[in-house]
Amino acid sequence: DLYLEIVALENALGNYQEAKNMMATRQFHPWEG
């Protein structure tokens, strides 16, 4: 959730390629909420 918050901030600030790169290099796991 914290890693994703960094991605969300990159997206919100218009750093879409950085967000895309971060998404591609992380194995996420389901969590409640």
Full PDB file with SEQRES, HELIX, SHEET, SSBOND, CRYST1, ORIGX, SCALE, CONECT and MASTER records, all heavy atoms in Angstrom:
SEQRES   1 A   33  ASP LEU TYR LEU GLU ILE VAL ALA LEU GLU ASN ALA LEU          
SEQRES   2 A   33  GLY ASN TYR GLN GLU ALA LYS ASN MET MET ALA THR ARG          
SEQRES   3 A   33  GLN PHE HIS PRO TRP GLU GLY                                  
HELIX    1 AA1 LEU A    2  ALA A   12  1                                  11    
HELIX    2 AA2 TYR A   16  ALA A   24  1                                   9    
CRYST1    1.000    1.000    1.000  90.00  90.00  90.00 P 1           1          
ORIGX1      1.000000  0.000000  0.000000        0.00000                         
ORIGX2      0.000000  1.000000  0.000000        0.00000                         
ORIGX3      0.000000  0.000000  1.000000        0.00000                         
SCALE1      1.000000  0.000000  0.000000        0.00000                         
SCALE2      0.000000  1.000000  0.000000        0.00000                         
SCALE3      0.000000  0.000000  1.000000        0.00000                         
ATOM      1  N   ASP A   1       0.817  -1.211   0.000  1.00  0.00           N  
ATOM      2  CA  ASP A   1       0.000   0.000   0.000  1.00  0.00           C  
ATOM      3  C   ASP A   1       0.853   1.265   0.000  1.00  0.00           C  
ATOM      4  O   ASP A   1       0.518   2.253  -0.659  1.00  0.00           O  
ATOM      5  CB  ASP A   1      -0.999   0.010   1.161  1.00  0.00           C  
ATOM      6  CG  ASP A   1      -0.363  -0.254   2.522  1.00  0.00           C  
ATOM      7  OD1 ASP A   1       0.872  -0.407   2.599  1.00  0.00           O  
ATOM      8  OD2 ASP A   1      -1.119  -0.327   3.524  1.00  0.00           O  
ATOM      9  N   LEU A   2       1.981   1.231   0.704  1.00  0.00           N  
ATOM     10  CA  LEU A   2       2.869   2.399   0.721  1.00  0.00           C  
ATOM     11  C   LEU A   2       3.590   2.568  -0.610  1.00  0.00           C  
ATOM     12  O   LEU A   2       3.729   3.678  -1.127  1.00  0.00           O  
ATOM     13  CB  LEU A   2       3.903   2.239   1.841  1.00  0.00           C  
ATOM     14  CG  LEU A   2       3.677   3.041   3.125  1.00  0.00           C  
ATOM     15  CD1 LEU A   2       4.806   2.803   4.102  1.00  0.00           C  
ATOM     16  CD2 LEU A   2       3.552   4.528   2.819  1.00  0.00           C  
ATOM     17  N   TYR A   3       4.063   1.460  -1.156  1.00  0.00           N  
ATOM     18  CA  TYR A   3       4.715   1.501  -2.470  1.00  0.00           C  
ATOM     19  C   TYR A   3       3.741   2.073  -3.499  1.00  0.00           C  
ATOM     20  O   TYR A   3       4.106   2.920  -4.330  1.00  0.00           O  
ATOM     21  CB  TYR A   3       5.151   0.087  -2.858  1.00  0.00           C  
ATOM     22  CG  TYR A   3       5.943  -0.011  -4.146  1.00  0.00           C  
ATOM     23  CD1 TYR A   3       7.339   0.032  -4.138  1.00  0.00           C  
ATOM     24  CD2 TYR A   3       5.303  -0.167  -5.375  1.00  0.00           C  
ATOM     25  CE1 TYR A   3       8.067  -0.068  -5.317  1.00  0.00           C  
ATOM     26  CE2 TYR A   3       6.021  -0.277  -6.548  1.00  0.00           C  
ATOM     27  CZ  TYR A   3       7.400  -0.225  -6.526  1.00  0.00           C  
ATOM     28  OH  TYR A   3       8.125  -0.337  -7.695  1.00  0.00           O  
ATOM     29  N   LEU A   4       2.493   1.623  -3.426  1.00  0.00           N  
ATOM     30  CA  LEU A   4       1.484   2.101  -4.366  1.00  0.00           C  
ATOM     31  C   LEU A   4       1.179   3.575  -4.156  1.00  0.00           C  
ATOM     32  O   LEU A   4       0.849   4.286  -5.104  1.00  0.00           O  
ATOM     33  CB  LEU A   4       0.210   1.267  -4.235  1.00  0.00           C  
ATOM     34  CG  LEU A   4      -0.835   1.500  -5.324  1.00  0.00           C  
ATOM     35  CD1 LEU A   4      -0.316   1.029  -6.678  1.00  0.00           C  
ATOM     36  CD2 LEU A   4      -2.139   0.793  -4.988  1.00  0.00           C  
ATOM     37  N   GLU A   5       1.293   4.041  -2.918  1.00  0.00           N  
ATOM     38  CA  GLU A   5       1.071   5.463  -2.653  1.00  0.00           C  
ATOM     39  C   GLU A   5       2.123   6.306  -3.369  1.00  0.00           C  
ATOM     40  O   GLU A   5       1.832   7.402  -3.866  1.00  0.00           O  
ATOM     41  CB  GLU A   5       1.096   5.736  -1.155  1.00  0.00           C  
ATOM     42  CG  GLU A   5       0.393   7.004  -0.726  1.00  0.00           C  
ATOM     43  CD  GLU A   5      -1.107   6.991  -0.995  1.00  0.00           C  
ATOM     44  OE1 GLU A   5      -1.773   5.984  -0.700  1.00  0.00           O  
ATOM     45  OE2 GLU A   5      -1.610   8.015  -1.523  1.00  0.00           O  
ATOM     46  N   ILE A   6       3.344   5.799  -3.433  1.00  0.00           N  
ATOM     47  CA  ILE A   6       4.396   6.499  -4.189  1.00  0.00           C  
ATOM     48  C   ILE A   6       4.034   6.530  -5.667  1.00  0.00           C  
ATOM     49  O   ILE A   6       4.162   7.567  -6.336  1.00  0.00           O  
ATOM     50  CB  ILE A   6       5.767   5.817  -3.970  1.00  0.00           C  
ATOM     51  CG1 ILE A   6       6.175   5.911  -2.501  1.00  0.00           C  
ATOM     52  CG2 ILE A   6       6.833   6.458  -4.864  1.00  0.00           C  
ATOM     53  CD1 ILE A   6       7.447   5.142  -2.152  1.00  0.00           C  
ATOM     54  N   VAL A   7       3.568   5.391  -6.193  1.00  0.00           N  
ATOM     55  CA  VAL A   7       3.124   5.338  -7.593  1.00  0.00           C  
ATOM     56  C   VAL A   7       2.009   6.355  -7.826  1.00  0.00           C  
ATOM     57  O   VAL A   7       2.017   7.096  -8.823  1.00  0.00           O  
ATOM     58  CB  VAL A   7       2.631   3.922  -7.957  1.00  0.00           C  
ATOM     59  CG1 VAL A   7       2.029   3.907  -9.364  1.00  0.00           C  
ATOM     60  CG2 VAL A   7       3.768   2.910  -7.869  1.00  0.00           C  
ATOM     61  N   ALA A   8       1.036   6.397  -6.901  1.00  0.00           N  
ATOM     62  CA  ALA A   8      -0.093   7.317  -7.043  1.00  0.00           C  
ATOM     63  C   ALA A   8       0.368   8.772  -7.059  1.00  0.00           C  
ATOM     64  O   ALA A   8      -0.164   9.598  -7.820  1.00  0.00           O  
ATOM     65  CB  ALA A   8      -1.093   7.092  -5.908  1.00  0.00           C  
ATOM     66  N   LEU A   9       1.346   9.096  -6.240  1.00  0.00           N  
ATOM     67  CA  LEU A   9       1.872  10.461  -6.217  1.00  0.00           C  
ATOM     68  C   LEU A   9       2.617  10.791  -7.510  1.00  0.00           C  
ATOM     69  O   LEU A   9       2.505  11.907  -8.023  1.00  0.00           O  
ATOM     70  CB  LEU A   9       2.787  10.637  -5.004  1.00  0.00           C  
ATOM     71  CG  LEU A   9       2.050  10.731  -3.656  1.00  0.00           C  
ATOM     72  CD1 LEU A   9       3.014  10.520  -2.493  1.00  0.00           C  
ATOM     73  CD2 LEU A   9       1.335  12.072  -3.525  1.00  0.00           C  
ATOM     74  N   GLU A  10       3.361   9.822  -8.029  1.00  0.00           N  
ATOM     75  CA  GLU A  10       4.030  10.032  -9.326  1.00  0.00           C  
ATOM     76  C   GLU A  10       2.983  10.302 -10.407  1.00  0.00           C  
ATOM     77  O   GLU A  10       3.140  11.214 -11.232  1.00  0.00           O  
ATOM     78  CB  GLU A  10       4.872   8.810  -9.699  1.00  0.00           C  
ATOM     79  CG  GLU A  10       6.046   8.510  -8.768  1.00  0.00           C  
ATOM     80  CD  GLU A  10       7.233   9.448  -8.939  1.00  0.00           C  
ATOM     81  OE1 GLU A  10       7.111  10.475  -9.637  1.00  0.00           O  
ATOM     82  OE2 GLU A  10       8.300   9.157  -8.348  1.00  0.00           O  
ATOM     83  N   ASN A  11       1.911   9.516 -10.394  1.00  0.00           N  
ATOM     84  CA  ASN A  11       0.839   9.735 -11.370  1.00  0.00           C  
ATOM     85  C   ASN A  11       0.193  11.098 -11.192  1.00  0.00           C  
ATOM     86  O   ASN A  11      -0.049  11.826 -12.162  1.00  0.00           O  
ATOM     87  CB  ASN A  11      -0.223   8.642 -11.220  1.00  0.00           C  
ATOM     88  CG  ASN A  11       0.019   7.453 -12.126  1.00  0.00           C  
ATOM     89  OD1 ASN A  11       0.603   7.574 -13.205  1.00  0.00           O  
ATOM     90  ND2 ASN A  11      -0.439   6.286 -11.705  1.00  0.00           N  
ATOM     91  N   ALA A  12      -0.100  11.452  -9.944  1.00  0.00           N  
ATOM     92  CA  ALA A  12      -0.779  12.717  -9.670  1.00  0.00           C  
ATOM     93  C   ALA A  12       0.067  13.917 -10.094  1.00  0.00           C  
ATOM     94  O   ALA A  12      -0.469  14.957 -10.493  1.00  0.00           O  
ATOM     95  CB  ALA A  12      -1.122  12.819  -8.188  1.00  0.00           C  
ATOM     96  N   LEU A  13       1.378  13.760 -10.027  1.00  0.00           N  
ATOM     97  CA  LEU A  13       2.288  14.842 -10.398  1.00  0.00           C  
ATOM     98  C   LEU A  13       2.670  14.804 -11.874  1.00  0.00           C  
ATOM     99  O   LEU A  13       3.504  15.585 -12.335  1.00  0.00           O  
ATOM    100  CB  LEU A  13       3.539  14.791  -9.518  1.00  0.00           C  
ATOM    101  CG  LEU A  13       3.299  15.155  -8.048  1.00  0.00           C  
ATOM    102  CD1 LEU A  13       4.483  14.771  -7.175  1.00  0.00           C  
ATOM    103  CD2 LEU A  13       2.996  16.651  -7.911  1.00  0.00           C  
ATOM    104  N   GLY A  14       2.072  13.862 -12.622  1.00  0.00           N  
ATOM    105  CA  GLY A  14       2.320  13.794 -14.063  1.00  0.00           C  
ATOM    106  C   GLY A  14       3.536  12.996 -14.466  1.00  0.00           C  
ATOM    107  O   GLY A  14       3.936  13.016 -15.640  1.00  0.00           O  
ATOM    108  N   ASN A  15       4.132  12.281 -13.518  1.00  0.00           N  
ATOM    109  CA  ASN A  15       5.316  11.463 -13.829  1.00  0.00           C  
ATOM    110  C   ASN A  15       4.867  10.052 -14.229  1.00  0.00           C  
ATOM    111  O   ASN A  15       5.150   9.065 -13.545  1.00  0.00           O  
ATOM    112  CB  ASN A  15       6.247  11.417 -12.613  1.00  0.00           C  
ATOM    113  CG  ASN A  15       6.640  12.800 -12.135  1.00  0.00           C  
ATOM    114  OD1 ASN A  15       6.793  13.723 -12.934  1.00  0.00           O  
ATOM    115  ND2 ASN A  15       6.779  12.962 -10.836  1.00  0.00           N  
ATOM    116  N   TYR A  16       4.154   9.973 -15.341  1.00  0.00           N  
ATOM    117  CA  TYR A  16       3.480   8.724 -15.716  1.00  0.00           C  
ATOM    118  C   TYR A  16       4.456   7.610 -16.084  1.00  0.00           C  
ATOM    119  O   TYR A  16       4.214   6.447 -15.767  1.00  0.00           O  
ATOM    120  CB  TYR A  16       2.514   8.977 -16.871  1.00  0.00           C  
ATOM    121  CG  TYR A  16       1.543  10.086 -16.594  1.00  0.00           C  
ATOM    122  CD1 TYR A  16       1.492  11.229 -17.404  1.00  0.00           C  
ATOM    123  CD2 TYR A  16       0.666  10.021 -15.512  1.00  0.00           C  
ATOM    124  CE1 TYR A  16       0.610  12.255 -17.146  1.00  0.00           C  
ATOM    125  CE2 TYR A  16      -0.228  11.051 -15.243  1.00  0.00           C  
ATOM    126  CZ  TYR A  16      -0.248  12.170 -16.067  1.00  0.00           C  
ATOM    127  OH  TYR A  16      -1.115  13.182 -15.800  1.00  0.00           O  
ATOM    128  N   GLN A  17       5.550   7.950 -16.741  1.00  0.00           N  
ATOM    129  CA  GLN A  17       6.505   6.910 -17.126  1.00  0.00           C  
ATOM    130  C   GLN A  17       7.174   6.313 -15.893  1.00  0.00           C  
ATOM    131  O   GLN A  17       7.393   5.101 -15.820  1.00  0.00           O  
ATOM    132  CB  GLN A  17       7.564   7.481 -18.072  1.00  0.00           C  
ATOM    133  CG  GLN A  17       8.479   6.423 -18.691  1.00  0.00           C  
ATOM    134  CD  GLN A  17       7.722   5.391 -19.517  1.00  0.00           C  
ATOM    135  OE1 GLN A  17       6.927   5.741 -20.387  1.00  0.00           O  
ATOM    136  NE2 GLN A  17       7.961   4.111 -19.246  1.00  0.00           N  
ATOM    137  N   GLU A  18       7.482   7.157 -14.918  1.00  0.00           N  
ATOM    138  CA  GLU A  18       8.065   6.657 -13.667  1.00  0.00           C  
ATOM    139  C   GLU A  18       7.076   5.739 -12.955  1.00  0.00           C  
ATOM    140  O   GLU A  18       7.444   4.676 -12.443  1.00  0.00           O  
ATOM    141  CB  GLU A  18       8.439   7.824 -12.759  1.00  0.00           C  
ATOM    142  CG  GLU A  18       9.003   7.420 -11.401  1.00  0.00           C  
ATOM    143  CD  GLU A  18      10.302   6.629 -11.478  1.00  0.00           C  
ATOM    144  OE1 GLU A  18      11.019   6.751 -12.507  1.00  0.00           O  
ATOM    145  OE2 GLU A  18      10.592   5.881 -10.526  1.00  0.00           O  
ATOM    146  N   ALA A  19       5.807   6.145 -12.932  1.00  0.00           N  
ATOM    147  CA  ALA A  19       4.770   5.309 -12.318  1.00  0.00           C  
ATOM    148  C   ALA A  19       4.658   3.972 -13.047  1.00  0.00           C  
ATOM    149  O   ALA A  19       4.560   2.914 -12.415  1.00  0.00           O  
ATOM    150  CB  ALA A  19       3.433   6.040 -12.339  1.00  0.00           C  
ATOM    151  N   LYS A  20       4.677   4.018 -14.363  1.00  0.00           N  
ATOM    152  CA  LYS A  20       4.588   2.797 -15.174  1.00  0.00           C  
ATOM    153  C   LYS A  20       5.764   1.868 -14.885  1.00  0.00           C  
ATOM    154  O   LYS A  20       5.602   0.646 -14.740  1.00  0.00           O  
ATOM    155  CB  LYS A  20       4.541   3.164 -16.660  1.00  0.00           C  
ATOM    156  CG  LYS A  20       4.401   1.986 -17.620  1.00  0.00           C  
ATOM    157  CD  LYS A  20       4.214   2.514 -19.045  1.00  0.00           C  
ATOM    158  CE  LYS A  20       4.111   1.386 -20.053  1.00  0.00           C  
ATOM    159  NZ  LYS A  20       5.402   0.703 -20.283  1.00  0.00           N  
ATOM    160  N   ASN A  21       6.953   2.433 -14.792  1.00  0.00           N  
ATOM    161  CA  ASN A  21       8.149   1.626 -14.502  1.00  0.00           C  
ATOM    162  C   ASN A  21       8.048   0.977 -13.123  1.00  0.00           C  
ATOM    163  O   ASN A  21       8.419  -0.190 -12.942  1.00  0.00           O  
ATOM    164  CB  ASN A  21       9.406   2.495 -14.568  1.00  0.00           C  
ATOM    165  CG  ASN A  21       9.690   3.002 -15.980  1.00  0.00           C  
ATOM    166  OD1 ASN A  21       9.164   2.473 -16.956  1.00  0.00           O  
ATOM    167  ND2 ASN A  21      10.499   4.039 -16.091  1.00  0.00           N  
ATOM    168  N   MET A  22       7.568   1.743 -12.153  1.00  0.00           N  
ATOM    169  CA  MET A  22       7.420   1.193 -10.803  1.00  0.00           C  
ATOM    170  C   MET A  22       6.388   0.071 -10.765  1.00  0.00           C  
ATOM    171  O   MET A  22       6.564  -0.935 -10.075  1.00  0.00           O  
ATOM    172  CB  MET A  22       7.019   2.308  -9.823  1.00  0.00           C  
ATOM    173  CG  MET A  22       8.127   3.288  -9.499  1.00  0.00           C  
ATOM    174  SD  MET A  22       7.618   4.480  -8.230  1.00  0.00           S  
ATOM    175  CE  MET A  22       7.488   3.406  -6.789  1.00  0.00           C  
ATOM    176  N   MET A  23       5.309   0.221 -11.510  1.00  0.00           N  
ATOM    177  CA  MET A  23       4.281  -0.816 -11.547  1.00  0.00           C  
ATOM    178  C   MET A  23       4.833  -2.113 -12.142  1.00  0.00           C  
ATOM    179  O   MET A  23       4.472  -3.212 -11.713  1.00  0.00           O  
ATOM    180  CB  MET A  23       3.090  -0.346 -12.398  1.00  0.00           C  
ATOM    181  CG  MET A  23       2.315   0.812 -11.827  1.00  0.00           C  
ATOM    182  SD  MET A  23       1.452   0.448 -10.283  1.00  0.00           S  
ATOM    183  CE  MET A  23       0.282  -0.792 -10.785  1.00  0.00           C  
ATOM    184  N   ALA A  24       5.706  -1.971 -13.120  1.00  0.00           N  
ATOM    185  CA  ALA A  24       6.206  -3.145 -13.846  1.00  0.00           C  
ATOM    186  C   ALA A  24       7.196  -3.965 -13.026  1.00  0.00           C  
ATOM    187  O   ALA A  24       7.409  -5.151 -13.320  1.00  0.00           O  
ATOM    188  CB  ALA A  24       6.850  -2.702 -15.161  1.00  0.00           C  
ATOM    189  N   THR A  25       7.804  -3.368 -12.013  1.00  0.00           N  
ATOM    190  CA  THR A  25       8.880  -4.050 -11.285  1.00  0.00           C  
ATOM    191  C   THR A  25       8.468  -4.548  -9.907  1.00  0.00           C  
ATOM    192  O   THR A  25       9.324  -4.952  -9.111  1.00  0.00           O  
ATOM    193  CB  THR A  25      10.088  -3.109 -11.125  1.00  0.00           C  
ATOM    194  OG1 THR A  25       9.678  -1.902 -10.455  1.00  0.00           O  
ATOM    195  CG2 THR A  25      10.677  -2.741 -12.486  1.00  0.00           C  
ATOM    196  N   ARG A  26       7.177  -4.559  -9.622  1.00  0.00           N  
ATOM    197  CA  ARG A  26       6.692  -4.950  -8.291  1.00  0.00           C  
ATOM    198  C   ARG A  26       5.677  -6.078  -8.399  1.00  0.00           C  
ATOM    199  O   ARG A  26       4.782  -6.030  -9.239  1.00  0.00           O  
ATOM    200  CB  ARG A  26       6.017  -3.748  -7.624  1.00  0.00           C  
ATOM    201  CG  ARG A  26       5.353  -4.041  -6.264  1.00  0.00           C  
ATOM    202  CD  ARG A  26       6.305  -3.859  -5.151  1.00  0.00           C  
ATOM    203  NE  ARG A  26       5.679  -3.973  -3.839  1.00  0.00           N  
ATOM    204  CZ  ARG A  26       6.314  -3.727  -2.700  1.00  0.00           C  
ATOM    205  NH1 ARG A  26       7.563  -3.326  -2.725  1.00  0.00           N  
ATOM    206  NH2 ARG A  26       5.705  -3.884  -1.539  1.00  0.00           N  
ATOM    207  N   GLN A  27       5.823  -7.093  -7.549  1.00  0.00           N  
ATOM    208  CA  GLN A  27       4.788  -8.110  -7.424  1.00  0.00           C  
ATOM    209  C   GLN A  27       3.860  -7.702  -6.289  1.00  0.00           C  
ATOM    210  O   GLN A  27       4.248  -7.695  -5.128  1.00  0.00           O  
ATOM    211  CB  GLN A  27       5.390  -9.484  -7.127  1.00  0.00           C  
ATOM    212  CG  GLN A  27       4.358 -10.583  -6.874  1.00  0.00           C  
ATOM    213  CD  GLN A  27       3.451 -10.834  -8.071  1.00  0.00           C  
ATOM    214  OE1 GLN A  27       3.915 -11.177  -9.154  1.00  0.00           O  
ATOM    215  NE2 GLN A  27       2.143 -10.656  -7.881  1.00  0.00           N  
ATOM    216  N   PHE A  28       2.638  -7.326  -6.641  1.00  0.00           N  
ATOM    217  CA  PHE A  28       1.660  -6.905  -5.644  1.00  0.00           C  
ATOM    218  C   PHE A  28       0.869  -8.108  -5.142  1.00  0.00           C  
ATOM    219  O   PHE A  28       0.768  -9.130  -5.821  1.00  0.00           O  
ATOM    220  CB  PHE A  28       0.699  -5.874  -6.240  1.00  0.00           C  
ATOM    221  CG  PHE A  28       1.337  -4.555  -6.559  1.00  0.00           C  
ATOM    222  CD1 PHE A  28       1.849  -4.302  -7.830  1.00  0.00           C  
ATOM    223  CD2 PHE A  28       1.427  -3.559  -5.597  1.00  0.00           C  
ATOM    224  CE1 PHE A  28       2.443  -3.081  -8.129  1.00  0.00           C  
ATOM    225  CE2 PHE A  28       2.023  -2.337  -5.886  1.00  0.00           C  
ATOM    226  CZ  PHE A  28       2.529  -2.100  -7.154  1.00  0.00           C  
ATOM    227  N   HIS A  29       0.318  -7.948  -3.949  1.00  0.00           N  
ATOM    228  CA  HIS A  29      -0.477  -9.005  -3.336  1.00  0.00           C  
ATOM    229  C   HIS A  29      -1.808  -8.404  -2.892  1.00  0.00           C  
ATOM    230  O   HIS A  29      -1.853  -7.268  -2.423  1.00  0.00           O  
ATOM    231  CB  HIS A  29       0.251  -9.601  -2.127  1.00  0.00           C  
ATOM    232  CG  HIS A  29       1.654 -10.021  -2.434  1.00  0.00           C  
ATOM    233  ND1 HIS A  29       2.716  -9.125  -2.407  1.00  0.00           N  
ATOM    234  CD2 HIS A  29       2.172 -11.213  -2.807  1.00  0.00           C  
ATOM    235  CE1 HIS A  29       3.825  -9.758  -2.745  1.00  0.00           C  
ATOM    236  NE2 HIS A  29       3.524 -11.024  -2.994  1.00  0.00           N  
ATOM    237  N   PRO A  30      -2.905  -9.141  -3.003  1.00  0.00           N  
ATOM    238  CA  PRO A  30      -4.205  -8.597  -2.583  1.00  0.00           C  
ATOM    239  C   PRO A  30      -4.206  -8.267  -1.096  1.00  0.00           C  
ATOM    240  O   PRO A  30      -3.586  -8.967  -0.300  1.00  0.00           O  
ATOM    241  CB  PRO A  30      -5.177  -9.757  -2.881  1.00  0.00           C  
ATOM    242  CG  PRO A  30      -4.464 -10.638  -3.856  1.00  0.00           C  
ATOM    243  CD  PRO A  30      -3.006 -10.511  -3.531  1.00  0.00           C  
ATOM    244  N   TRP A  31      -4.898  -7.191  -0.728  1.00  0.00           N  
ATOM    245  CA  TRP A  31      -5.068  -6.883   0.698  1.00  0.00           C  
ATOM    246  C   TRP A  31      -6.452  -6.270   0.901  1.00  0.00           C  
ATOM    247  O   TRP A  31      -7.019  -5.659  -0.002  1.00  0.00           O  
ATOM    248  CB  TRP A  31      -3.962  -5.957   1.209  1.00  0.00           C  
ATOM    249  CG  TRP A  31      -4.025  -4.519   0.795  1.00  0.00           C  
ATOM    250  CD1 TRP A  31      -4.652  -3.488   1.430  1.00  0.00           C  
ATOM    251  CD2 TRP A  31      -3.402  -3.917  -0.366  1.00  0.00           C  
ATOM    252  NE1 TRP A  31      -4.463  -2.311   0.762  1.00  0.00           N  
ATOM    253  CE2 TRP A  31      -3.705  -2.534  -0.339  1.00  0.00           C  
ATOM    254  CE3 TRP A  31      -2.602  -4.423  -1.405  1.00  0.00           C  
ATOM    255  CZ2 TRP A  31      -3.258  -1.657  -1.317  1.00  0.00           C  
ATOM    256  CZ3 TRP A  31      -2.161  -3.554  -2.382  1.00  0.00           C  
ATOM    257  CH2 TRP A  31      -2.492  -2.180  -2.335  1.00  0.00           C  
ATOM    258  N   GLU A  32      -6.980  -6.490   2.093  1.00  0.00           N  
ATOM    259  CA  GLU A  32      -8.313  -5.990   2.437  1.00  0.00           C  
ATOM    260  C   GLU A  32      -8.332  -4.467   2.355  1.00  0.00           C  
ATOM    261  O   GLU A  32      -7.498  -3.787   2.967  1.00  0.00           O  
ATOM    262  CB  GLU A  32      -8.706  -6.430   3.849  1.00  0.00           C  
ATOM    263  CG  GLU A  32     -10.084  -5.961   4.295  1.00  0.00           C  
ATOM    264  CD  GLU A  32     -11.224  -6.608   3.534  1.00  0.00           C  
ATOM    265  OE1 GLU A  32     -11.025  -7.733   3.011  1.00  0.00           O  
ATOM    266  OE2 GLU A  32     -12.306  -6.004   3.450  1.00  0.00           O  
ATOM    267  N   GLY A  33      -9.254  -3.943   1.589  1.00  0.00           N  
ATOM    268  CA  GLY A  33      -9.332  -2.504   1.385  1.00  0.00           C  
ATOM    269  C   GLY A  33      -8.523  -2.019   0.200  1.00  0.00           C  
ATOM    270  O   GLY A  33      -8.574  -0.845  -0.154  1.00  0.00           O  
TER     271      GLY A  33                                                      
MASTER        0    0    0    2    0    0    0    6  270    1    0    3          
END                                                                             
